[in-house]
Amino acid sequence: MDLTPYIESLRRSLTAAAAPAGEDAARTAELLSEALDAGARLALMEALSEAAAEITAGLDQAGSSASVDLRVRGKEVDLRVTDVEAAETTPPPAPPVEDDVARITLRLPESLKEKVEHTASADGTSVNAWLVRAINNAVHTSRSAGPTSGARYSQRITGYARA
């Protein structure tokens, strides 16, 4: 989903609202609308993310195993509906955590991010689900294998999580 048409509509509305006040006000509104681009885009992404979480919660209450994921690539936003039971091809390495879901920020080098996105897509899962499964596997592998053995990076990781 391209957010640009929505941002452009916001710009036009702001400029049109300032037009009756004169040329200086219209120019100021135009400059402000350009400055608001990133903030408005982020606000729309956050609203879409919350909507996806609410829809997933509603699906859970209805007994569905589907989830709605928000995927962001550059300035593009994509909403995906995934059937969790169909996406799982291997059992998780450990039972799922029953705790509340927490949100963190993760900074990755762009090259690693692209590899993660490609691998998650090839597995048919979201990046978030793939990362949760990878972290879960790493934590449980290192705990059971002991400090001397390294994590096994060649294992296939699939799964899901809600944010």
C-alpha atoms as a PDB file:
ATOM      1  CA  MET A   1       0.000   0.000   0.000  1.00  0.00           C
ATOM      2  CA  ASP A   2       1.447   3.300  -1.073  1.00  0.00           C
ATOM      3  CA  LEU A   3       0.826   5.996   1.547  1.00  0.00           C
ATOM      4  CA  THR A   4       1.778   8.805  -0.836  1.00  0.00           C
ATOM      5  CA  PRO A   5      -1.797   9.539  -2.055  1.00  0.00           C
ATOM      6  CA  TYR A   6      -2.928   9.984   1.556  1.00  0.00           C
ATOM      7  CA  ILE A   7      -0.018  12.296   2.348  1.00  0.00           C
ATOM      8  CA  GLU A   8      -0.723  14.292  -0.830  1.00  0.00           C
ATOM      9  CA  SER A   9      -4.386  14.613   0.170  1.00  0.00           C
ATOM     10  CA  LEU A  10      -3.313  15.973   3.548  1.00  0.00           C
ATOM     11  CA  ARG A  11      -1.013  18.477   1.817  1.00  0.00           C
ATOM     12  CA  ARG A  12      -3.787  19.655  -0.515  1.00  0.00           C
ATOM     13  CA  SER A  13      -6.210  20.070   2.389  1.00  0.00           C
ATOM     14  CA  LEU A  14      -3.729  22.102   4.418  1.00  0.00           C
ATOM     15  CA  THR A  15      -2.852  24.332   1.463  1.00  0.00           C
ATOM     16  CA  ALA A  16      -6.522  24.824   0.548  1.00  0.00           C
ATOM     17  CA  ALA A  17      -7.409  25.755   4.139  1.00  0.00           C
ATOM     18  CA  ALA A  18      -4.700  28.430   4.178  1.00  0.00           C
ATOM     19  CA  ALA A  19      -5.484  29.867   0.716  1.00  0.00           C
ATOM     20  CA  PRO A  20      -8.226  32.324   1.857  1.00  0.00           C
ATOM     21  CA  ALA A  21      -5.741  33.932   4.279  1.00  0.00           C
ATOM     22  CA  GLY A  22      -3.517  35.090   1.425  1.00  0.00           C
ATOM     23  CA  GLU A  23      -0.465  34.152  -0.547  1.00  0.00           C
ATOM     24  CA  ASP A  24       1.921  34.189   2.432  1.00  0.00           C
ATOM     25  CA  ALA A  25      -0.309  31.870   4.446  1.00  0.00           C
ATOM     26  CA  ALA A  26      -0.675  29.507   1.465  1.00  0.00           C
ATOM     27  CA  ARG A  27       3.103  29.383   1.005  1.00  0.00           C
ATOM     28  CA  THR A  28       3.587  28.763   4.729  1.00  0.00           C
ATOM     29  CA  ALA A  29       1.034  25.927   4.594  1.00  0.00           C
ATOM     30  CA  GLU A  30       2.830  24.426   1.615  1.00  0.00           C
ATOM     31  CA  LEU A  31       6.171  24.512   3.444  1.00  0.00           C
ATOM     32  CA  LEU A  32       4.614  23.017   6.572  1.00  0.00           C
ATOM     33  CA  SER A  33       2.972  20.227   4.596  1.00  0.00           C
ATOM     34  CA  GLU A  34       6.355  19.251   3.135  1.00  0.00           C
ATOM     35  CA  ALA A  35       7.876  19.217   6.629  1.00  0.00           C
ATOM     36  CA  LEU A  36       5.030  17.052   7.959  1.00  0.00           C
ATOM     37  CA  ASP A  37       5.575  14.291   5.384  1.00  0.00           C
ATOM     38  CA  ALA A  38       7.668  11.974   7.587  1.00  0.00           C
ATOM     39  CA  GLY A  39       5.567  12.563  10.705  1.00  0.00           C
ATOM     40  CA  ALA A  40       2.283  11.965   8.892  1.00  0.00           C
ATOM     41  CA  ARG A  41       3.667   8.821   7.229  1.00  0.00           C
ATOM     42  CA  LEU A  42       4.817   7.478  10.615  1.00  0.00           C
ATOM     43  CA  ALA A  43       1.447   8.279  12.196  1.00  0.00           C
ATOM     44  CA  LEU A  44      -0.352   6.386   9.400  1.00  0.00           C
ATOM     45  CA  MET A  45       1.978   3.393   9.842  1.00  0.00           C
ATOM     46  CA  GLU A  46       1.330   3.338  13.590  1.00  0.00           C
ATOM     47  CA  ALA A  47      -2.437   3.510  13.004  1.00  0.00           C
ATOM     48  CA  LEU A  48      -2.221   0.633  10.512  1.00  0.00           C
ATOM     49  CA  SER A  49      -0.094  -1.375  12.956  1.00  0.00           C
ATOM     50  CA  GLU A  50      -2.645  -0.915  15.738  1.00  0.00           C
ATOM     51  CA  ALA A  51      -5.472  -1.808  13.343  1.00  0.00           C
ATOM     52  CA  ALA A  52      -3.654  -5.013  12.357  1.00  0.00           C
ATOM     53  CA  ALA A  53      -3.210  -5.923  16.046  1.00  0.00           C
ATOM     54  CA  GLU A  54      -6.904  -5.260  16.776  1.00  0.00           C
ATOM     55  CA  ILE A  55      -8.007  -7.331  13.777  1.00  0.00           C
ATOM     56  CA  THR A  56      -5.740 -10.193  14.861  1.00  0.00           C
ATOM     57  CA  ALA A  57      -7.176 -10.014  18.391  1.00  0.00           C
ATOM     58  CA  GLY A  58     -10.685 -10.140  16.918  1.00  0.00           C
ATOM     59  CA  LEU A  59      -9.746 -13.141  14.807  1.00  0.00           C
ATOM     60  CA  ASP A  60      -8.357 -14.866  17.918  1.00  0.00           C
ATOM     61  CA  GLN A  61     -11.616 -14.271  19.786  1.00  0.00           C
ATOM     62  CA  ALA A  62     -13.541 -15.687  16.835  1.00  0.00           C
ATOM     63  CA  GLY A  63     -11.458 -18.860  17.042  1.00  0.00           C
ATOM     64  CA  SER A  64      -9.480 -18.246  13.852  1.00  0.00           C
ATOM     65  CA  SER A  65      -5.806 -19.125  13.603  1.00  0.00           C
ATOM     66  CA  ALA A  66      -5.180 -16.267  11.163  1.00  0.00           C
ATOM     67  CA  SER A  67      -3.166 -13.160  11.957  1.00  0.00           C
ATOM     68  CA  VAL A  68      -2.745  -9.798  10.248  1.00  0.00           C
ATOM     69  CA  ASP A  69       0.817  -8.548   9.810  1.00  0.00           C
ATOM     70  CA  LEU A  70       2.011  -5.094   8.822  1.00  0.00           C
ATOM     71  CA  ARG A  71       5.131  -5.198   6.685  1.00  0.00           C
ATOM     72  CA  VAL A  72       7.086  -2.044   5.925  1.00  0.00           C
ATOM     73  CA  ARG A  73       9.648  -1.833   3.154  1.00  0.00           C
ATOM     74  CA  GLY A  74      10.989   1.663   2.595  1.00  0.00           C
ATOM     75  CA  LYS A  75       7.957   3.914   2.231  1.00  0.00           C
ATOM     76  CA  GLU A  76       5.674   1.047   1.221  1.00  0.00           C
ATOM     77  CA  VAL A  77       3.302  -0.616   3.675  1.00  0.00           C
ATOM     78  CA  ASP A  78       1.785  -4.052   3.122  1.00  0.00           C
ATOM     79  CA  LEU A  79      -0.914  -5.779   5.174  1.00  0.00           C
ATOM     80  CA  ARG A  80      -0.815  -9.584   5.035  1.00  0.00           C
ATOM     81  CA  VAL A  81      -3.242 -12.128   6.405  1.00  0.00           C
ATOM     82  CA  THR A  82      -1.510 -15.349   7.414  1.00  0.00           C
ATOM     83  CA  ASP A  83      -3.122 -18.590   8.501  1.00  0.00           C
ATOM     84  CA  VAL A  84      -0.884 -19.550  11.399  1.00  0.00           C
ATOM     85  CA  GLU A  85      -1.671 -23.267  11.319  1.00  0.00           C
ATOM     86  CA  ALA A  86      -0.908 -23.485   7.610  1.00  0.00           C
ATOM     87  CA  ALA A  87       2.315 -21.483   8.004  1.00  0.00           C
ATOM     88  CA  GLU A  88       3.747 -23.745  10.686  1.00  0.00           C
ATOM     89  CA  THR A  89       5.597 -26.634   9.070  1.00  0.00           C
ATOM     90  CA  THR A  90       7.735 -27.675  12.026  1.00  0.00           C
ATOM     91  CA  PRO A  91       6.937 -27.691  15.726  1.00  0.00           C
ATOM     92  CA  PRO A  92       8.515 -24.965  17.853  1.00  0.00           C
ATOM     93  CA  PRO A  93      11.703 -25.929  19.674  1.00  0.00           C
ATOM     94  CA  ALA A  94      10.104 -25.041  23.015  1.00  0.00           C
ATOM     95  CA  PRO A  95       6.555 -24.422  24.196  1.00  0.00           C
ATOM     96  CA  PRO A  96       5.258 -20.932  23.390  1.00  0.00           C
ATOM     97  CA  VAL A  97       5.674 -18.303  26.068  1.00  0.00           C
ATOM     98  CA  GLU A  98       2.413 -17.460  27.836  1.00  0.00           C
ATOM     99  CA  ASP A  99       3.600 -13.976  28.868  1.00  0.00           C
ATOM    100  CA  ASP A 100       2.311 -10.694  27.545  1.00  0.00           C
ATOM    101  CA  VAL A 101       3.834  -9.588  24.268  1.00  0.00           C
ATOM    102  CA  ALA A 102       6.527  -6.891  24.511  1.00  0.00           C
ATOM    103  CA  ARG A 103       7.665  -4.496  21.810  1.00  0.00           C
ATOM    104  CA  ILE A 104      11.344  -3.706  21.184  1.00  0.00           C
ATOM    105  CA  THR A 105      13.290  -1.755  18.587  1.00  0.00           C
ATOM    106  CA  LEU A 106      15.965  -3.670  16.716  1.00  0.00           C
ATOM    107  CA  ARG A 107      18.552  -1.985  14.535  1.00  0.00           C
ATOM    108  CA  LEU A 108      20.139  -4.182  11.867  1.00  0.00           C
ATOM    109  CA  PRO A 109      22.637  -3.484   9.119  1.00  0.00           C
ATOM    110  CA  GLU A 110      20.695  -3.066   5.854  1.00  0.00           C
ATOM    111  CA  SER A 111      22.346  -6.132   4.280  1.00  0.00           C
ATOM    112  CA  LEU A 112      21.348  -8.350   7.224  1.00  0.00           C
ATOM    113  CA  LYS A 113      17.812  -6.918   7.222  1.00  0.00           C
ATOM    114  CA  GLU A 114      17.438  -7.821   3.542  1.00  0.00           C
ATOM    115  CA  LYS A 115      18.646 -11.379   4.205  1.00  0.00           C
ATOM    116  CA  VAL A 116      16.190 -11.743   7.104  1.00  0.00           C
ATOM    117  CA  GLU A 117      13.319 -10.439   4.947  1.00  0.00           C
ATOM    118  CA  HIS A 118      14.230 -12.838   2.132  1.00  0.00           C
ATOM    119  CA  THR A 119      14.531 -15.829   4.460  1.00  0.00           C
ATOM    120  CA  ALA A 120      11.263 -15.040   6.267  1.00  0.00           C
ATOM    121  CA  SER A 121       9.473 -14.605   2.953  1.00  0.00           C
ATOM    122  CA  ALA A 122      10.855 -17.924   1.688  1.00  0.00           C
ATOM    123  CA  ASP A 123       9.531 -19.581   4.866  1.00  0.00           C
ATOM    124  CA  GLY A 124       6.137 -17.958   4.355  1.00  0.00           C
ATOM    125  CA  THR A 125       6.279 -15.983   7.610  1.00  0.00           C
ATOM    126  CA  SER A 126       6.550 -12.347   8.603  1.00  0.00           C
ATOM    127  CA  VAL A 127       9.893 -10.894   9.615  1.00  0.00           C
ATOM    128  CA  ASN A 128       8.598 -10.484  13.162  1.00  0.00           C
ATOM    129  CA  ALA A 129       7.504 -14.124  13.354  1.00  0.00           C
ATOM    130  CA  TRP A 130      10.800 -15.298  11.914  1.00  0.00           C
ATOM    131  CA  LEU A 131      12.810 -13.213  14.397  1.00  0.00           C
ATOM    132  CA  VAL A 132      10.741 -14.427  17.365  1.00  0.00           C
ATOM    133  CA  ARG A 133      11.320 -18.040  16.336  1.00  0.00           C
ATOM    134  CA  ALA A 134      15.055 -17.435  15.767  1.00  0.00           C
ATOM    135  CA  ILE A 135      15.457 -15.782  19.161  1.00  0.00           C
ATOM    136  CA  ASN A 136      13.396 -18.477  20.874  1.00  0.00           C
ATOM    137  CA  ASN A 137      15.496 -21.181  19.236  1.00  0.00           C
ATOM    138  CA  ALA A 138      18.771 -19.450  20.136  1.00  0.00           C
ATOM    139  CA  VAL A 139      17.743 -19.020  23.772  1.00  0.00           C
ATOM    140  CA  HIS A 140      16.588 -22.612  24.158  1.00  0.00           C
ATOM    141  CA  THR A 141      19.528 -24.069  22.208  1.00  0.00           C
ATOM    142  CA  SER A 142      22.120 -22.188  24.252  1.00  0.00           C
ATOM    143  CA  ARG A 143      20.360 -23.098  27.511  1.00  0.00           C
ATOM    144  CA  SER A 144      20.171 -26.823  26.728  1.00  0.00           C
ATOM    145  CA  ALA A 145      23.470 -27.197  24.876  1.00  0.00           C
ATOM    146  CA  GLY A 146      25.623 -25.482  27.483  1.00  0.00           C
ATOM    147  CA  PRO A 147      28.073 -22.606  27.205  1.00  0.00           C
ATOM    148  CA  THR A 148      30.712 -24.448  25.167  1.00  0.00           C
ATOM    149  CA  SER A 149      28.645 -25.288  22.121  1.00  0.00           C
ATOM    150  CA  GLY A 150      27.591 -22.582  19.687  1.00  0.00           C
ATOM    151  CA  ALA A 151      24.141 -21.955  18.309  1.00  0.00           C
ATOM    152  CA  ARG A 152      23.125 -23.949  15.255  1.00  0.00           C
ATOM    153  CA  TYR A 153      22.466 -21.420  12.504  1.00  0.00           C
ATOM    154  CA  SER A 154      21.669 -23.951   9.807  1.00  0.00           C
ATOM    155  CA  GLN A 155      18.314 -24.957  11.330  1.00  0.00           C
ATOM    156  CA  ARG A 156      15.111 -23.805   9.639  1.00  0.00           C
ATOM    157  CA  ILE A 157      13.056 -21.481  11.792  1.00  0.00           C
ATOM    158  CA  THR A 158       9.327 -20.823  11.352  1.00  0.00           C
ATOM    159  CA  GLY A 159       6.601 -19.415  13.570  1.00  0.00           C
ATOM    160  CA  TYR A 160       4.483 -16.455  14.475  1.00  0.00           C
ATOM    161  CA  ALA A 161       4.025 -13.742  17.086  1.00  0.00           C
ATOM    162  CA  ARG A 162       1.667 -10.906  17.754  1.00  0.00           C
ATOM    163  CA  ALA A 163       2.758  -7.330  18.444  1.00  0.00           C
END
